[in-house]
Amino acid sequence: ATVLELRAHDFPGLLRVVAQAISAVDVDIIAARVATLGSEAVDVFYVIDKSAGGAHLSPERTAQVSATILQALDLNNATE
């Protein structure tokens, strides 16, 4: 599995936004550790690449997933 760590300002629905973004690029979350420190979320996701038969993410796929998450968070912030 590949480990993705997210640190962001916490808001209602943060996990939903992130999980949908990860799922949208054909990646499965197999485990997660979710924590909130004050107003900050510190979440760790263990993910596998469904399109590669459950393998860990390549550096290119990791960059794609990260960009998709950031875009989803930006879109969410723009609609608030």
Protein backbone atom coordinates (compact mmCIF):
# COMPACT_ATOMS: atom_id res chain seq x y z
CA ALA A 1 0.00 0.00 0.00
CA THR A 2 0.98 3.61 -0.48
CA VAL A 3 0.69 6.02 2.44
CA LEU A 4 -0.84 9.45 1.78
CA GLU A 5 -0.82 12.02 4.58
CA LEU A 6 -3.19 14.97 4.52
CA ARG A 7 -2.94 18.02 6.76
CA ALA A 8 -5.72 20.53 6.25
CA HIS A 9 -8.06 22.87 8.05
CA ASP A 10 -10.85 20.62 9.31
CA PHE A 11 -14.41 21.19 8.16
CA PRO A 12 -17.61 19.12 8.07
CA GLY A 13 -17.39 16.79 5.08
CA LEU A 14 -13.59 16.83 4.71
CA LEU A 15 -13.31 13.04 4.74
CA ARG A 16 -16.12 12.71 2.19
CA VAL A 17 -14.44 15.18 -0.18
CA VAL A 18 -11.08 13.42 0.11
CA ALA A 19 -12.51 9.89 -0.17
CA GLN A 20 -14.51 10.83 -3.27
CA ALA A 21 -11.43 12.39 -4.87
CA ILE A 22 -9.36 9.28 -4.19
CA SER A 23 -12.08 6.99 -5.50
CA ALA A 24 -12.53 9.11 -8.64
CA VAL A 25 -9.05 8.15 -9.88
CA ASP A 26 -9.58 4.38 -9.40
CA VAL A 27 -7.70 4.13 -6.10
CA ASP A 28 -8.99 2.22 -3.07
CA ILE A 29 -8.53 3.25 0.55
CA ILE A 30 -7.72 0.09 2.49
CA ALA A 31 -7.19 1.79 5.86
CA ALA A 32 -7.11 5.27 7.34
CA ARG A 33 -6.05 7.00 10.54
CA VAL A 34 -8.05 10.13 11.18
CA ALA A 35 -7.16 12.73 13.79
CA THR A 36 -8.07 16.31 14.56
CA LEU A 37 -5.68 18.60 16.39
CA GLY A 38 -7.55 21.76 17.25
CA SER A 39 -8.91 23.04 13.96
CA GLU A 40 -6.51 20.97 11.86
CA ALA A 41 -7.16 17.52 10.41
CA VAL A 42 -4.22 15.13 10.21
CA ASP A 43 -5.37 12.13 8.18
CA VAL A 44 -3.34 9.22 6.86
CA PHE A 45 -4.70 7.03 4.08
CA TYR A 46 -3.32 3.65 3.03
CA VAL A 47 -4.24 3.21 -0.61
CA ILE A 48 -3.83 0.78 -3.50
CA ASP A 49 -4.13 1.27 -7.23
CA LYS A 50 -7.19 -0.64 -8.51
CA SER A 51 -6.15 -0.05 -12.12
CA ALA A 52 -2.82 -1.80 -11.42
CA GLY A 53 -4.31 -4.87 -9.76
CA GLY A 54 -4.04 -3.58 -6.20
CA ALA A 55 -0.41 -2.51 -6.37
CA HIS A 56 1.10 0.40 -4.53
CA LEU A 57 0.92 3.72 -6.37
CA SER A 58 3.72 4.72 -8.72
CA PRO A 59 5.19 8.19 -8.21
CA GLU A 60 3.15 9.40 -11.17
CA ARG A 61 -0.10 7.99 -9.76
CA THR A 62 0.72 9.42 -6.33
CA ALA A 63 1.13 12.86 -7.92
CA GLN A 64 -2.17 12.40 -9.79
CA VAL A 65 -4.04 11.43 -6.62
CA SER A 66 -2.51 14.33 -4.69
CA ALA A 67 -3.47 16.80 -7.42
CA THR A 68 -7.01 15.42 -7.52
CA ILE A 69 -7.37 15.79 -3.74
CA LEU A 70 -6.06 19.36 -3.83
CA GLN A 71 -8.41 20.24 -6.70
CA ALA A 72 -11.39 18.76 -4.82
CA LEU A 73 -10.50 20.73 -1.70
CA ASP A 74 -10.10 23.93 -3.74
CA LEU A 75 -13.50 23.36 -5.39
CA ASN A 76 -15.08 22.71 -2.00
CA ASN A 77 -13.59 25.93 -0.58
CA ALA A 78 -14.81 27.89 -3.60
CA THR A 79 -18.40 26.73 -3.07
CA GLU A 80 -18.53 27.59 0.62
